[in-house]
Protein backbone atom coordinates (compact mmCIF):
# COMPACT_ATOMS: atom_id res chain seq x y z
CA MET A 1 121.88 90.44 144.40
CA SER A 2 123.04 90.78 140.85
CA VAL A 3 125.76 88.28 139.90
CA ILE A 4 127.60 88.49 136.60
CA VAL A 5 130.33 86.00 135.68
CA LYS A 6 132.19 86.04 132.38
CA THR A 7 135.10 84.12 130.94
CA GLN A 8 136.53 85.67 127.82
CA GLU A 9 139.63 86.04 125.69
CA ALA A 10 139.11 89.75 125.10
CA GLU A 11 140.47 92.44 127.38
CA PHE A 12 137.98 94.13 129.69
CA ASP A 13 137.40 97.81 130.38
CA VAL A 14 137.27 98.50 134.12
CA GLY A 15 135.74 101.95 133.60
CA LYS A 16 132.95 100.56 131.42
CA GLU A 17 132.22 97.83 133.95
CA LEU A 18 131.95 100.42 136.73
CA LEU A 19 129.60 102.53 134.61
CA ASP A 20 127.47 99.45 133.85
CA LEU A 21 127.30 98.70 137.59
CA ARG A 22 126.13 102.24 138.34
CA VAL A 23 123.37 101.86 135.75
CA ARG A 24 122.31 98.44 137.13
CA GLN A 25 122.20 99.54 140.76
CA GLN A 26 121.09 103.16 140.24
CA GLY A 27 122.74 104.60 143.36
CA GLN A 28 121.69 101.87 145.80
CA PHE A 29 125.25 101.26 147.00
CA GLY A 30 127.73 103.31 149.00
CA ALA A 31 130.91 101.49 148.03
CA VAL A 32 132.43 99.65 145.10
CA VAL A 33 135.63 97.67 145.43
CA SER A 34 137.40 96.49 142.30
CA PHE A 35 140.38 94.19 142.10
CA VAL A 36 142.31 93.82 138.86
CA GLY A 37 144.83 90.99 138.66
CA LEU A 38 147.69 91.11 136.18
CA VAL A 39 149.88 88.40 134.70
CA ARG A 40 153.18 88.53 136.59
CA ASP A 41 156.32 88.79 134.50
CA SER A 42 158.35 86.15 136.32
CA SER A 43 157.79 82.60 137.45
CA ASN A 44 160.11 80.87 139.91
CA ARG A 45 162.96 83.15 138.79
CA LYS A 46 162.46 82.15 135.14
CA GLU A 47 161.31 84.67 132.60
CA LEU A 48 157.63 84.23 131.77
CA VAL A 49 156.82 84.36 128.08
CA ALA A 50 153.07 83.73 128.38
CA LEU A 51 150.36 82.20 130.53
CA GLU A 52 147.84 79.92 128.85
CA ILE A 53 144.51 79.44 130.57
CA GLU A 54 142.21 76.66 129.42
CA HIS A 55 138.66 76.05 130.63
CA TYR A 56 135.31 74.46 129.93
CA PRO A 57 133.02 77.52 129.89
CA GLU A 58 129.98 76.04 131.61
CA MET A 59 132.03 74.22 134.27
CA THR A 60 134.31 77.17 134.93
CA GLU A 61 131.56 79.77 135.08
CA SER A 62 129.38 77.63 137.36
CA SER A 63 132.35 77.16 139.74
CA ILE A 64 132.77 80.94 139.88
CA VAL A 65 129.05 81.52 140.42
CA GLU A 66 129.22 79.08 143.33
CA ILE A 67 132.07 81.10 144.84
CA VAL A 68 130.10 84.34 144.51
CA ARG A 69 127.02 82.71 146.07
CA LYS A 70 129.15 81.70 149.08
CA ALA A 71 130.17 85.33 149.41
CA GLU A 72 126.56 86.45 149.05
CA ASN A 73 125.63 84.29 152.05
CA ARG A 74 128.24 86.07 154.21
CA TRP A 75 127.96 89.74 153.23
CA ASP A 76 125.27 92.23 152.39
CA VAL A 77 126.36 92.95 148.84
CA LEU A 78 124.19 94.26 146.06
CA ASP A 79 126.23 93.36 143.01
CA ALA A 80 129.17 91.16 142.13
CA LEU A 81 131.01 90.90 138.83
CA VAL A 82 133.80 88.50 137.98
CA ILE A 83 135.51 88.57 134.60
CA HIS A 84 138.32 86.06 134.09
CA ARG A 85 140.27 85.98 130.90
CA VAL A 86 141.25 82.77 129.16
CA GLY A 87 143.55 81.89 126.28
CA ARG A 88 147.12 83.10 125.88
CA LEU A 89 147.99 86.06 128.09
CA TYR A 90 151.25 87.97 128.32
CA PRO A 91 153.08 89.62 131.22
CA SER A 92 151.34 92.74 132.57
CA GLU A 93 148.05 91.94 130.80
CA GLU A 94 144.88 91.98 132.87
CA ILE A 95 143.75 88.49 133.84
CA VAL A 96 140.87 88.99 136.29
CA LEU A 97 138.43 91.64 137.46
CA VAL A 98 136.42 91.24 140.65
CA GLN A 99 134.01 94.06 141.39
CA VAL A 100 131.71 94.19 144.42
CA ALA A 101 129.09 96.81 145.35
CA SER A 102 127.76 97.08 148.88
CA PRO A 103 126.07 99.66 151.10
CA HIS A 104 129.34 100.01 153.06
CA ARG A 105 133.03 99.79 152.15
CA GLU A 106 134.08 97.25 154.79
CA LYS A 107 131.73 94.61 153.44
CA ALA A 108 132.73 95.36 149.86
CA PHE A 109 136.45 94.99 150.65
CA GLU A 110 135.97 91.75 152.58
CA CYS A 111 133.68 90.24 149.96
CA CYS A 112 136.05 91.12 147.12
CA GLU A 113 138.99 89.58 148.96
CA PHE A 114 136.97 86.45 149.77
CA ILE A 115 136.00 85.99 146.13
CA MET A 116 139.59 86.46 144.97
CA ASP A 117 140.94 84.01 147.57
CA TYR A 118 138.43 81.36 146.46
CA LEU A 119 139.08 82.03 142.75
CA LYS A 120 142.73 81.10 143.30
CA THR A 121 141.79 77.68 144.71
CA ASP A 122 138.27 76.67 143.64
CA ALA A 123 137.66 78.10 140.16
CA ILE A 124 138.09 75.43 137.50
CA PHE A 125 140.90 76.47 135.14
CA TRP A 126 144.02 74.85 133.78
CA LYS A 127 146.95 77.27 133.80
CA ARG A 128 150.19 76.64 131.97
CA GLU A 129 153.19 78.92 132.32
CA ILE A 130 155.42 79.19 129.28
CA THR A 131 158.87 80.34 130.34
CA THR A 132 162.19 80.79 128.60
CA SER A 133 163.20 77.33 129.85
CA GLY A 134 160.01 75.39 129.00
CA SER A 135 156.43 75.12 130.18
CA HIS A 136 154.56 73.63 133.11
CA TYR A 137 151.06 73.58 134.59
CA VAL A 138 150.43 75.70 137.67
CA GLU A 139 148.22 74.78 140.61
CA SER A 140 147.20 76.56 143.79
CA ASN A 141 150.05 76.85 146.25
CA ASP A 142 150.09 76.53 150.04
CA ASN A 143 149.73 80.28 150.50
CA ASP A 144 146.60 80.30 148.31
CA VAL A 145 145.07 77.52 150.40
CA LYS A 146 145.95 79.29 153.68
CA ARG A 147 144.34 82.50 152.47
CA LYS A 148 141.16 80.62 151.56
CA ASP A 149 141.13 78.63 154.81
CA ARG A 150 141.18 81.76 156.94
CA TRP A 151 137.56 82.40 155.91
CA ASN A 152 136.40 79.17 157.61
């Protein structure tokens, strides 16, 4: 399985990433599922100005690789890509891309959802929301943990 994990400040191009996947896998898959997460424009009913994401590249990327390897052990997937942006992001900007290629769609959907659920709880990032009334750090919530726990 091909695993690519990137953390970056720059925006990503979903179309380019899909084309790169097609070149890497050369028609070996029957399904690709892509999830693109966006920065929400509100936080606890306060207007979000920006989201700042801090990380230690090696630590963060290795935590994401570990998540993808867990997925690899559960599903027959051929390729997985995770791009997570860092730095200062604004409402409606892309924050994360998870892309999974598999012989069949069901496995690709499940694997993509698994990776996203684990990213919300196990990937090592520090997220700070800057709102019109101040700023605060954000951690996984109970719903995020429940979504992850359902895979056990």
